[in-house]
Every structure is written in structure tokens, then in C-alpha cells.
PDB file of N, CA and C in Angstrom:
ATOM      1  N   MET A   1      -1.128  -8.453  13.384  1.00  0.00           N
ATOM      2  CA  MET A   1      -1.310  -8.758  14.623  1.00  0.00           C
ATOM      3  C   MET A   1      -1.102  -9.615  15.740  1.00  0.00           C
ATOM      4  N   ASN A   2      -1.479  -9.379  16.455  1.00  0.00           N
ATOM      5  CA  ASN A   2      -1.543 -10.431  17.749  1.00  0.00           C
ATOM      6  C   ASN A   2      -2.954 -11.286  17.482  1.00  0.00           C
ATOM      7  N   HIS A   3      -2.302 -12.681  17.673  1.00  0.00           N
ATOM      8  CA  HIS A   3      -3.632 -13.243  17.391  1.00  0.00           C
ATOM      9  C   HIS A   3      -4.034 -14.466  18.713  1.00  0.00           C
ATOM     10  N   GLU A   4      -3.625 -13.744  19.882  1.00  0.00           N
ATOM     11  CA  GLU A   4      -3.848 -14.310  20.767  1.00  0.00           C
ATOM     12  C   GLU A   4      -5.319 -14.026  21.367  1.00  0.00           C
ATOM     13  N   PHE A   5      -5.289 -14.186  22.776  1.00  0.00           N
ATOM     14  CA  PHE A   5      -6.647 -13.089  23.720  1.00  0.00           C
ATOM     15  C   PHE A   5      -5.767 -12.520  24.745  1.00  0.00           C
ATOM     16  N   GLU A   6      -6.707 -11.428  24.250  1.00  0.00           N
ATOM     17  CA  GLU A   6      -6.334  -9.944  24.995  1.00  0.00           C
ATOM     18  C   GLU A   6      -7.515  -9.986  25.889  1.00  0.00           C
ATOM     19  N   LEU A   7      -7.174  -9.195  27.253  1.00  0.00           N
ATOM     20  CA  LEU A   7      -8.210  -8.742  28.408  1.00  0.00           C
ATOM     21  C   LEU A   7      -9.234  -7.826  27.755  1.00  0.00           C
ATOM     22  N   VAL A   8     -10.381  -7.625  27.781  1.00  0.00           N
ATOM     23  CA  VAL A   8     -11.129  -6.659  27.709  1.00  0.00           C
ATOM     24  C   VAL A   8     -11.608  -5.860  29.157  1.00  0.00           C
ATOM     25  N   LEU A   9     -11.098  -4.726  29.085  1.00  0.00           N
ATOM     26  CA  LEU A   9     -11.040  -3.385  30.324  1.00  0.00           C
ATOM     27  C   LEU A   9     -12.003  -3.351  30.365  1.00  0.00           C
ATOM     28  N   ASP A  10     -13.180  -2.819  29.703  1.00  0.00           N
ATOM     29  CA  ASP A  10     -14.330  -2.424  30.204  1.00  0.00           C
ATOM     30  C   ASP A  10     -15.394  -2.630  28.931  1.00  0.00           C
ATOM     31  N   VAL A  11     -16.825  -2.938  29.308  1.00  0.00           N
ATOM     32  CA  VAL A  11     -18.141  -3.143  28.385  1.00  0.00           C
ATOM     33  C   VAL A  11     -19.057  -2.313  29.133  1.00  0.00           C
ATOM     34  N   ALA A  12     -19.066  -1.488  27.919  1.00  0.00           N
ATOM     35  CA  ALA A  12     -20.039  -0.436  28.118  1.00  0.00           C
ATOM     36  C   ALA A  12     -21.854  -0.818  28.095  1.00  0.00           C
ATOM     37  N   GLU A  13     -21.433  -1.851  26.928  1.00  0.00           N
ATOM     38  CA  GLU A  13     -22.866  -2.043  26.163  1.00  0.00           C
ATOM     39  C   GLU A  13     -22.704  -3.807  26.055  1.00  0.00           C
ATOM     40  N   TYR A  14     -23.747  -4.605  26.143  1.00  0.00           N
ATOM     41  CA  TYR A  14     -23.742  -5.619  26.105  1.00  0.00           C
ATOM     42  C   TYR A  14     -25.407  -6.045  25.582  1.00  0.00           C
ATOM     43  N   CYS A  15     -25.580  -6.805  24.509  1.00  0.00           N
ATOM     44  CA  CYS A  15     -26.652  -7.355  24.444  1.00  0.00           C
ATOM     45  C   CYS A  15     -26.006  -8.637  23.499  1.00  0.00           C
ATOM     46  N   ASP A  16     -26.668  -9.798  23.863  1.00  0.00           N
ATOM     47  CA  ASP A  16     -25.940 -11.090  23.315  1.00  0.00           C
ATOM     48  C   ASP A  16     -24.485 -10.896  23.003  1.00  0.00           C
ATOM     49  N   GLY A  17     -23.841 -10.387  23.782  1.00  0.00           N
ATOM     50  CA  GLY A  17     -22.256 -10.497  23.505  1.00  0.00           C
ATOM     51  C   GLY A  17     -21.957  -8.788  23.846  1.00  0.00           C
ATOM     52  N   PRO A  18     -20.642  -8.940  23.857  1.00  0.00           N
ATOM     53  CA  PRO A  18     -20.039  -6.975  24.377  1.00  0.00           C
ATOM     54  C   PRO A  18     -20.371  -6.757  23.004  1.00  0.00           C
ATOM     55  N   ARG A  19     -20.749  -5.279  22.884  1.00  0.00           N
ATOM     56  CA  ARG A  19     -21.355  -4.480  21.760  1.00  0.00           C
ATOM     57  C   ARG A  19     -20.258  -3.440  21.532  1.00  0.00           C
ATOM     58  N   ALA A  20     -19.450  -3.087  23.012  1.00  0.00           N
ATOM     59  CA  ALA A  20     -19.106  -1.752  23.105  1.00  0.00           C
ATOM     60  C   ALA A  20     -18.817  -1.299  24.701  1.00  0.00           C
ATOM     61  N   GLY A  21     -17.187  -1.221  24.741  1.00  0.00           N
ATOM     62  CA  GLY A  21     -16.028  -1.042  25.292  1.00  0.00           C
ATOM     63  C   GLY A  21     -15.030  -0.725  24.967  1.00  0.00           C
ATOM     64  N   VAL A  22     -14.046  -1.333  26.307  1.00  0.00           N
ATOM     65  CA  VAL A  22     -12.793  -0.885  25.907  1.00  0.00           C
ATOM     66  C   VAL A  22     -11.566  -2.277  26.199  1.00  0.00           C
ATOM     67  N   ALA A  23     -10.745  -2.585  25.133  1.00  0.00           N
ATOM     68  CA  ALA A  23     -10.290  -3.889  25.357  1.00  0.00           C
ATOM     69  C   ALA A  23      -8.610  -3.474  24.727  1.00  0.00           C
ATOM     70  N   LEU A  24      -8.022  -4.801  25.213  1.00  0.00           N
ATOM     71  CA  LEU A  24      -6.072  -4.496  24.325  1.00  0.00           C
ATOM     72  C   LEU A  24      -6.441  -5.298  23.270  1.00  0.00           C
ATOM     73  N   LEU A  25      -5.531  -4.401  22.419  1.00  0.00           N
ATOM     74  CA  LEU A  25      -5.164  -5.070  21.050  1.00  0.00           C
ATOM     75  C   LEU A  25      -3.518  -4.815  20.931  1.00  0.00           C
ATOM     76  N   GLN A  26      -3.111  -5.757  20.749  1.00  0.00           N
ATOM     77  CA  GLN A  26      -1.761  -5.995  21.150  1.00  0.00           C
ATOM     78  C   GLN A  26      -1.093  -5.043  22.638  1.00  0.00           C
ATOM     79  N   GLY A  27      -1.565  -5.301  23.414  1.00  0.00           N
ATOM     80  CA  GLY A  27      -1.301  -4.624  24.436  1.00  0.00           C
ATOM     81  C   GLY A  27      -1.878  -2.586  24.770  1.00  0.00           C
ATOM     82  N   VAL A  28      -2.812  -2.182  23.635  1.00  0.00           N
ATOM     83  CA  VAL A  28      -2.599  -0.890  23.550  1.00  0.00           C
ATOM     84  C   VAL A  28      -4.442  -0.864  23.820  1.00  0.00           C
ATOM     85  N   PRO A  29      -4.774   0.054  24.447  1.00  0.00           N
ATOM     86  CA  PRO A  29      -6.014  -0.055  24.644  1.00  0.00           C
ATOM     87  C   PRO A  29      -7.156   0.702  23.451  1.00  0.00           C
ATOM     88  N   TYR A  30      -8.230  -0.105  23.212  1.00  0.00           N
ATOM     89  CA  TYR A  30      -9.086   0.156  21.946  1.00  0.00           C
ATOM     90  C   TYR A  30     -10.289   0.388  22.291  1.00  0.00           C
ATOM     91  N   HIS A  31     -10.948   1.577  21.704  1.00  0.00           N
ATOM     92  CA  HIS A  31     -12.407   1.392  22.210  1.00  0.00           C
ATOM     93  C   HIS A  31     -12.831   0.544  21.016  1.00  0.00           C
ATOM     94  N   PHE A  32     -13.846  -0.020  21.124  1.00  0.00           N
ATOM     95  CA  PHE A  32     -14.522  -1.263  20.479  1.00  0.00           C
ATOM     96  C   PHE A  32     -16.392  -0.844  20.439  1.00  0.00           C
ATOM     97  N   ARG A  33     -16.824  -0.549  19.208  1.00  0.00           N
ATOM     98  CA  ARG A  33     -17.980  -0.420  19.398  1.00  0.00           C
ATOM     99  C   ARG A  33     -18.206  -1.798  18.138  1.00  0.00           C
ATOM    100  N   SER A  34     -20.105  -2.271  18.339  1.00  0.00           N
ATOM    101  CA  SER A  34     -20.389  -3.195  17.299  1.00  0.00           C
ATOM    102  C   SER A  34     -21.003  -2.206  16.231  1.00  0.00           C
ATOM    103  N   ARG A  35     -20.969  -2.631  15.098  1.00  0.00           N
ATOM    104  CA  ARG A  35     -21.522  -2.199  13.888  1.00  0.00           C
ATOM    105  C   ARG A  35     -23.129  -2.673  13.788  1.00  0.00           C
ATOM    106  N   MET A  36     -23.397  -3.279  15.089  1.00  0.00           N
ATOM    107  CA  MET A  36     -24.822  -4.354  15.171  1.00  0.00           C
ATOM    108  C   MET A  36     -25.302  -5.049  14.055  1.00  0.00           C
ATOM    109  N   LEU A  37     -24.679  -5.324  12.907  1.00  0.00           N
ATOM    110  CA  LEU A  37     -24.814  -6.353  12.046  1.00  0.00           C
ATOM    111  C   LEU A  37     -25.804  -7.408  11.779  1.00  0.00           C
ATOM    112  N   ASP A  38     -25.715  -8.057  13.012  1.00  0.00           N
ATOM    113  CA  ASP A  38     -26.036  -9.179  13.390  1.00  0.00           C
ATOM    114  C   ASP A  38     -27.676  -8.731  13.423  1.00  0.00           C
ATOM    115  N   ILE A  39     -27.604  -8.009  14.386  1.00  0.00           N
ATOM    116  CA  ILE A  39     -29.288  -6.971  14.281  1.00  0.00           C
ATOM    117  C   ILE A  39     -29.494  -6.558  13.480  1.00  0.00           C
ATOM    118  N   TYR A  40     -29.103  -5.635  12.460  1.00  0.00           N
ATOM    119  CA  TYR A  40     -29.770  -5.173  11.525  1.00  0.00           C
ATOM    120  C   TYR A  40     -29.719  -5.505  10.287  1.00  0.00           C
ATOM    121  N   GLU A  41     -28.773  -6.494  10.035  1.00  0.00           N
ATOM    122  CA  GLU A  41     -28.469  -6.878   8.759  1.00  0.00           C
ATOM    123  C   GLU A  41     -28.059  -8.342   8.531  1.00  0.00           C
ATOM    124  N   CYS A  42     -28.774  -9.367   9.450  1.00  0.00           N
ATOM    125  CA  CYS A  42     -28.352 -10.559   9.703  1.00  0.00           C
ATOM    126  C   CYS A  42     -29.505 -10.846   8.620  1.00  0.00           C
ATOM    127  N   HIS A  43     -29.164 -12.158   7.626  1.00  0.00           N
ATOM    128  CA  HIS A  43     -29.400 -12.723   6.452  1.00  0.00           C
ATOM    129  C   HIS A  43     -28.743 -14.063   7.295  1.00  0.00           C
ATOM    130  N   GLY A  44     -28.435 -14.546   8.218  1.00  0.00           N
ATOM    131  CA  GLY A  44     -27.718 -15.881   7.986  1.00  0.00           C
ATOM    132  C   GLY A  44     -26.608 -16.097   9.523  1.00  0.00           C
ATOM    133  N   ASP A  45     -25.734 -16.972   9.333  1.00  0.00           N
ATOM    134  CA  ASP A  45     -25.153 -16.873  10.407  1.00  0.00           C
ATOM    135  C   ASP A  45     -24.569 -15.287  10.893  1.00  0.00           C
ATOM    136  N   PHE A  46     -24.827 -14.978  11.865  1.00  0.00           N
ATOM    137  CA  PHE A  46     -24.729 -13.610  12.292  1.00  0.00           C
ATOM    138  C   PHE A  46     -23.131 -13.877  13.089  1.00  0.00           C
ATOM    139  N   GLU A  47     -22.949 -14.414  13.653  1.00  0.00           N
ATOM    140  CA  GLU A  47     -21.666 -14.364  14.207  1.00  0.00           C
ATOM    141  C   GLU A  47     -20.583 -14.078  12.985  1.00  0.00           C
ATOM    142  N   SER A  48     -20.783 -14.280  11.830  1.00  0.00           N
ATOM    143  CA  SER A  48     -19.615 -14.482  11.024  1.00  0.00           C
ATOM    144  C   SER A  48     -19.409 -12.768  10.252  1.00  0.00           C
ATOM    145  N   VAL A  49     -20.928 -12.259  10.523  1.00  0.00           N
ATOM    146  CA  VAL A  49     -21.215 -10.632   9.913  1.00  0.00           C
ATOM    147  C   VAL A  49     -20.734  -9.698  10.749  1.00  0.00           C
ATOM    148  N   ASP A  50     -20.764 -10.117  12.077  1.00  0.00           N
ATOM    149  CA  ASP A  50     -20.691  -8.718  13.305  1.00  0.00           C
ATOM    150  C   ASP A  50     -19.194  -7.987  12.805  1.00  0.00           C
ATOM    151  N   VAL A  51     -19.187  -6.593  12.381  1.00  0.00           N
ATOM    152  CA  VAL A  51     -18.326  -6.387  12.146  1.00  0.00           C
ATOM    153  C   VAL A  51     -18.161  -4.862  13.710  1.00  0.00           C
ATOM    154  N   PHE A  52     -16.712  -5.027  14.184  1.00  0.00           N
ATOM    155  CA  PHE A  52     -16.631  -3.836  14.901  1.00  0.00           C
ATOM    156  C   PHE A  52     -15.646  -2.981  14.586  1.00  0.00           C
ATOM    157  N   GLU A  53     -15.780  -1.348  14.899  1.00  0.00           N
ATOM    158  CA  GLU A  53     -15.180  -0.550  14.700  1.00  0.00           C
ATOM    159  C   GLU A  53     -14.141  -0.557  16.361  1.00  0.00           C
ATOM    160  N   LEU A  54     -12.518  -0.117  15.832  1.00  0.00           N
ATOM    161  CA  LEU A  54     -11.676   0.061  16.973  1.00  0.00           C
ATOM    162  C   LEU A  54     -10.743   1.498  16.829  1.00  0.00           C
ATOM    163  N   THR A  55     -10.864   2.126  17.975  1.00  0.00           N
ATOM    164  CA  THR A  55     -10.335   3.340  17.870  1.00  0.00           C
ATOM    165  C   THR A  55      -9.087   3.223  19.140  1.00  0.00           C
ATOM    166  N   LYS A  56      -8.387   3.982  18.864  1.00  0.00           N
ATOM    167  CA  LYS A  56      -7.233   4.081  19.653  1.00  0.00           C
ATOM    168  C   LYS A  56      -7.528   4.602  20.912  1.00  0.00           C
ATOM    169  N   VAL A  57      -7.639   4.680  22.396  1.00  0.00           N
ATOM    170  CA  VAL A  57      -7.636   5.564  23.121  1.00  0.00           C
ATOM    171  C   VAL A  57      -6.939   6.355  23.118  1.00  0.00           C
ATOM    172  N   GLY A  58      -7.855   7.722  22.730  1.00  0.00           N
ATOM    173  CA  GLY A  58      -6.564   8.630  22.804  1.00  0.00           C
ATOM    174  C   GLY A  58      -6.459   9.429  21.710  1.00  0.00           C
ATOM    175  N   ALA A  59      -6.656   8.639  20.426  1.00  0.00           N
ATOM    176  CA  ALA A  59      -6.754   8.894  18.836  1.00  0.00           C
ATOM    177  C   ALA A  59      -7.327  10.063  18.592  1.00  0.00           C
ATOM    178  N   PRO A  60      -6.414  10.874  17.858  1.00  0.00           N
ATOM    179  CA  PRO A  60      -7.900  12.155  17.285  1.00  0.00           C
ATOM    180  C   PRO A  60      -8.732  11.468  16.482  1.00  0.00           C
ATOM    181  N   SER A  61      -9.951  12.430  16.741  1.00  0.00           N
ATOM    182  CA  SER A  61     -11.208  11.298  16.253  1.00  0.00           C
ATOM    183  C   SER A  61     -11.328  11.346  14.472  1.00  0.00           C
ATOM    184  N   SER A  62     -10.126  12.097  14.088  1.00  0.00           N
ATOM    185  CA  SER A  62     -10.234  12.117  12.638  1.00  0.00           C
ATOM    186  C   SER A  62      -9.057  10.676  11.850  1.00  0.00           C
ATOM    187  N   GLU A  63      -8.706  10.121  13.044  1.00  0.00           N
ATOM    188  CA  GLU A  63      -8.136   8.674  12.775  1.00  0.00           C
ATOM    189  C   GLU A  63      -9.173   7.937  12.336  1.00  0.00           C
ATOM    190  N   PRO A  64      -9.156   7.362  11.618  1.00  0.00           N
ATOM    191  CA  PRO A  64     -10.121   6.152  10.640  1.00  0.00           C
ATOM    192  C   PRO A  64     -10.326   4.676  12.102  1.00  0.00           C
ATOM    193  N   PRO A  65     -11.391   4.278  11.627  1.00  0.00           N
ATOM    194  CA  PRO A  65     -11.442   3.039  12.821  1.00  0.00           C
ATOM    195  C   PRO A  65     -10.402   1.948  12.116  1.00  0.00           C
ATOM    196  N   LEU A  66     -10.019   0.992  12.979  1.00  0.00           N
ATOM    197  CA  LEU A  66      -9.634  -0.571  12.174  1.00  0.00           C
ATOM    198  C   LEU A  66     -11.161  -1.049  12.433  1.00  0.00           C
ATOM    199  N   LEU A  67     -11.282  -2.103  11.461  1.00  0.00           N
ATOM    200  CA  LEU A  67     -12.472  -2.807  11.330  1.00  0.00           C
ATOM    201  C   LEU A  67     -12.036  -3.978  11.884  1.00  0.00           C
ATOM    202  N   ALA A  68     -12.584  -4.896  12.520  1.00  0.00           N
ATOM    203  CA  ALA A  68     -12.265  -6.265  12.984  1.00  0.00           C
ATOM    204  C   ALA A  68     -13.359  -7.377  13.802  1.00  0.00           C
ATOM    205  N   HIS A  69     -13.307  -8.491  13.056  1.00  0.00           N
ATOM    206  CA  HIS A  69     -14.507  -9.498  13.872  1.00  0.00           C
ATOM    207  C   HIS A  69     -13.530  -9.673  15.022  1.00  0.00           C
ATOM    208  N   ALA A  70     -14.494 -10.175  16.038  1.00  0.00           N
ATOM    209  CA  ALA A  70     -13.808 -10.712  17.619  1.00  0.00           C
ATOM    210  C   ALA A  70     -14.597 -11.916  18.022  1.00  0.00           C
ATOM    211  N   GLU A  71     -13.958 -12.714  18.806  1.00  0.00           N
ATOM    212  CA  GLU A  71     -14.259 -13.877  19.373  1.00  0.00           C
ATOM    213  C   GLU A  71     -13.885 -13.320  21.041  1.00  0.00           C
ATOM    214  N   PHE A  72     -14.914 -13.450  22.237  1.00  0.00           N
ATOM    215  CA  PHE A  72     -15.094 -13.209  23.030  1.00  0.00           C
ATOM    216  C   PHE A  72     -14.949 -14.491  24.128  1.00  0.00           C
ATOM    217  N   GLN A  73     -14.221 -14.791  24.883  1.00  0.00           N
ATOM    218  CA  GLN A  73     -14.489 -15.837  25.820  1.00  0.00           C
ATOM    219  C   GLN A  73     -14.035 -14.935  27.728  1.00  0.00           C
ATOM    220  N   VAL A  74     -13.949 -16.608  28.537  1.00  0.00           N
ATOM    221  CA  VAL A  74     -14.044 -15.610  29.942  1.00  0.00           C
ATOM    222  C   VAL A  74     -12.835 -16.025  30.311  1.00  0.00           C
ATOM    223  N   VAL A  75     -12.178 -15.442  30.713  1.00  0.00           N
ATOM    224  CA  VAL A  75     -10.921 -15.392  31.273  1.00  0.00           C
ATOM    225  C   VAL A  75     -11.206 -16.735  32.156  1.00  0.00           C
ATOM    226  N   GLU A  76     -10.225 -17.811  32.101  1.00  0.00           N
ATOM    227  CA  GLU A  76      -9.625 -19.000  32.654  1.00  0.00           C
ATOM    228  C   GLU A  76      -9.889 -18.838  34.011  1.00  0.00           C
ATOM    229  N   GLY A  77     -10.168 -19.157  34.981  1.00  0.00           N
ATOM    230  CA  GLY A  77      -9.970 -19.270  36.262  1.00  0.00           C
ATOM    231  C   GLY A  77      -9.999 -17.925  36.757  1.00  0.00           C
ATOM    232  N   ALA A  78     -10.744 -17.129  36.425  1.00  0.00           N
ATOM    233  CA  ALA A  78     -11.588 -16.010  37.306  1.00  0.00           C
ATOM    234  C   ALA A  78     -12.502 -16.020  37.920  1.00  0.00           C
ATOM    235  N   PRO A  79     -12.371 -15.195  39.341  1.00  0.00           N
ATOM    236  CA  PRO A  79     -13.259 -16.028  40.226  1.00  0.00           C
ATOM    237  C   PRO A  79     -15.014 -15.350  39.535  1.00  0.00           C
ATOM    238  N   VAL A  80     -15.771 -16.048  39.720  1.00  0.00           N
ATOM    239  CA  VAL A  80     -17.402 -15.491  39.252  1.00  0.00           C
ATOM    240  C   VAL A  80     -16.984 -14.226  40.031  1.00  0.00           C
ATOM    241  N   PRO A  81     -17.726 -12.742  39.043  1.00  0.00           N
ATOM    242  CA  PRO A  81     -18.186 -11.944  40.154  1.00  0.00           C
ATOM    243  C   PRO A  81     -20.212 -12.209  40.464  1.00  0.00           C
ATOM    244  N   PRO A  82     -20.099 -11.104  41.339  1.00  0.00           N
ATOM    245  CA  PRO A  82     -21.470 -10.840  41.961  1.00  0.00           C
ATOM    246  C   PRO A  82     -22.518 -11.143  40.886  1.00  0.00           C
ATOM    247  N   VAL A  83     -23.835 -11.451  41.209  1.00  0.00           N
ATOM    248  CA  VAL A  83     -25.278 -11.303  40.455  1.00  0.00           C
ATOM    249  C   VAL A  83     -24.938 -10.198  39.758  1.00  0.00           C
ATOM    250  N   GLY A  84     -25.192 -10.053  38.606  1.00  0.00           N
ATOM    251  CA  GLY A  84     -25.832  -8.448  37.841  1.00  0.00           C
ATOM    252  C   GLY A  84     -24.361  -7.890  37.136  1.00  0.00           C
ATOM    253  N   GLN A  85     -23.229  -8.932  37.274  1.00  0.00           N
ATOM    254  CA  GLN A  85     -21.649  -8.077  37.370  1.00  0.00           C
ATOM    255  C   GLN A  85     -21.285  -9.725  36.164  1.00  0.00           C
ATOM    256  N   LEU A  86     -20.791  -8.593  35.134  1.00  0.00           N
ATOM    257  CA  LEU A  86     -19.944  -9.759  33.938  1.00  0.00           C
ATOM    258  C   LEU A  86     -18.685 -10.545  34.142  1.00  0.00           C
ATOM    259  N   ARG A  87     -18.873 -11.475  33.929  1.00  0.00           N
ATOM    260  CA  ARG A  87     -17.671 -12.267  34.375  1.00  0.00           C
ATOM    261  C   ARG A  87     -16.095 -11.706  33.766  1.00  0.00           C
ATOM    262  N   VAL A  88     -15.155 -11.614  33.573  1.00  0.00           N
ATOM    263  CA  VAL A  88     -13.791 -11.053  33.125  1.00  0.00           C
ATOM    264  C   VAL A  88     -13.554 -11.762  31.759  1.00  0.00           C
ATOM    265  N   LEU A  89     -13.821 -10.735  30.647  1.00  0.00           N
ATOM    266  CA  LEU A  89     -13.367 -11.155  29.307  1.00  0.00           C
ATOM    267  C   LEU A  89     -12.315 -11.139  28.283  1.00  0.00           C
ATOM    268  N   GLU A  90     -11.945 -11.600  28.016  1.00  0.00           N
ATOM    269  CA  GLU A  90     -10.857 -11.595  26.566  1.00  0.00           C
ATOM    270  C   GLU A  90     -11.188 -11.593  25.354  1.00  0.00           C
ATOM    271  N   ALA A  91     -10.202 -10.843  24.305  1.00  0.00           N
ATOM    272  CA  ALA A  91     -11.352 -11.168  23.464  1.00  0.00           C
ATOM    273  C   ALA A  91      -9.530 -11.439  22.116  1.00  0.00           C
ATOM    274  N   HIS A  92     -10.171 -12.367  21.166  1.00  0.00           N
ATOM    275  CA  HIS A  92      -9.469 -12.112  20.312  1.00  0.00           C
ATOM    276  C   HIS A  92      -9.908 -11.279  19.145  1.00  0.00           C
ATOM    277  N   TRP A  93      -9.057 -10.425  18.793  1.00  0.00           N
ATOM    278  CA  TRP A  93      -9.302  -9.709  17.300  1.00  0.00           C
ATOM    279  C   TRP A  93      -8.729  -9.943  15.964  1.00  0.00           C
ATOM    280  N   ARG A  94      -9.159 -10.336  14.557  1.00  0.00           N
ATOM    281  CA  ARG A  94      -8.816 -10.665  13.686  1.00  0.00           C
ATOM    282  C   ARG A  94      -9.577  -9.063  12.719  1.00  0.00           C
ATOM    283  N   VAL A  95      -8.182  -9.040  12.879  1.00  0.00           N
ATOM    284  CA  VAL A  95      -8.616  -7.090  11.969  1.00  0.00           C
ATOM    285  C   VAL A  95      -8.475  -7.497  10.529  1.00  0.00           C
ATOM    286  N   PHE A  96      -9.538  -6.672   9.498  1.00  0.00           N
ATOM    287  CA  PHE A  96      -9.542  -6.860   8.089  1.00  0.00           C
ATOM    288  C   PHE A  96      -7.988  -6.250   7.616  1.00  0.00           C
ATOM    289  N   GLY A  97      -7.937  -7.271   6.640  1.00  0.00           N
ATOM    290  CA  GLY A  97      -6.654  -7.002   5.723  1.00  0.00           C
ATOM    291  C   GLY A  97      -5.757  -7.379   6.162  1.00  0.00           C
ATOM    292  N   GLU A  98      -5.424  -8.391   7.568  1.00  0.00           N
ATOM    293  CA  GLU A  98      -4.374  -8.566   8.007  1.00  0.00           C
ATOM    294  C   GLU A  98      -4.930 -10.653   7.999  1.00  0.00           C
ATOM    295  N   GLY A  99      -4.129 -11.288   7.196  1.00  0.00           N
ATOM    296  CA  GLY A  99      -4.305 -12.774   7.272  1.00  0.00           C
ATOM    297  C   GLY A  99      -5.108 -12.812   6.573  1.00  0.00           C
ATOM    298  N   GLY A 100      -5.867 -12.240   6.161  1.00  0.00           N
ATOM    299  CA  GLY A 100      -6.588 -12.903   4.923  1.00  0.00           C
ATOM    300  C   GLY A 100      -8.629 -12.220   5.387  1.00  0.00           C
ATOM    301  N   VAL A 101      -7.946 -11.446   6.315  1.00  0.00           N
ATOM    302  CA  VAL A 101      -9.484 -11.142   6.988  1.00  0.00           C
ATOM    303  C   VAL A 101     -10.247 -10.354   6.318  1.00  0.00           C
TER     304      VAL A 101
END
């Protein structure tokens, strides 16, 4: 999979970072949702245990989700939004089973 940062299109839930929304993975939009392991099962470095489920937008509900770690960052040069709105984000997805993740 692509190891570059790609645009986060929507953040529907945010708690110490994006938890749910829609983001690109290899140019294709995916719904992402944190399994919230960092909150409910944390016993150390929560950054390394947070797992996201990724499902392709429009995929049948029977299709199993991809599991991935994510690194989020603010898009460099993006304008500062009004108070109360998130800055434009992008994500680097590391899908389990690819490259030793």
C-alpha cells in the first residue's frame, strides 16, 4: 500500500485525535473507526496499540475491514480554520500484514 500521507476527507469523531471519519487510502475513500484500544486497553504507549478498522466507502457490509495503525498530521500550508473547526488533516496508514506491520 501507499506509504505516503493522504487526505482525511471528514472527521466524524475526535477524542485526543481522529477516531472516526473518511480518509483516502491509495486514493480510494475509506471509512475509518478506531477500536479505541488506547482508551480501554492501554497498558503503556497508547500510540503503538491504537488500531483502526478501514472499510471502503460503498463496500458491502459483509466485506471484512482492513486493520491499520495511523499517523495523522496537519496539511502543511493549509489555512487556519475558524475557531471550533479542525485543521485539514492527512493520514499515513500502515495496514497490518503489509511491510511487517
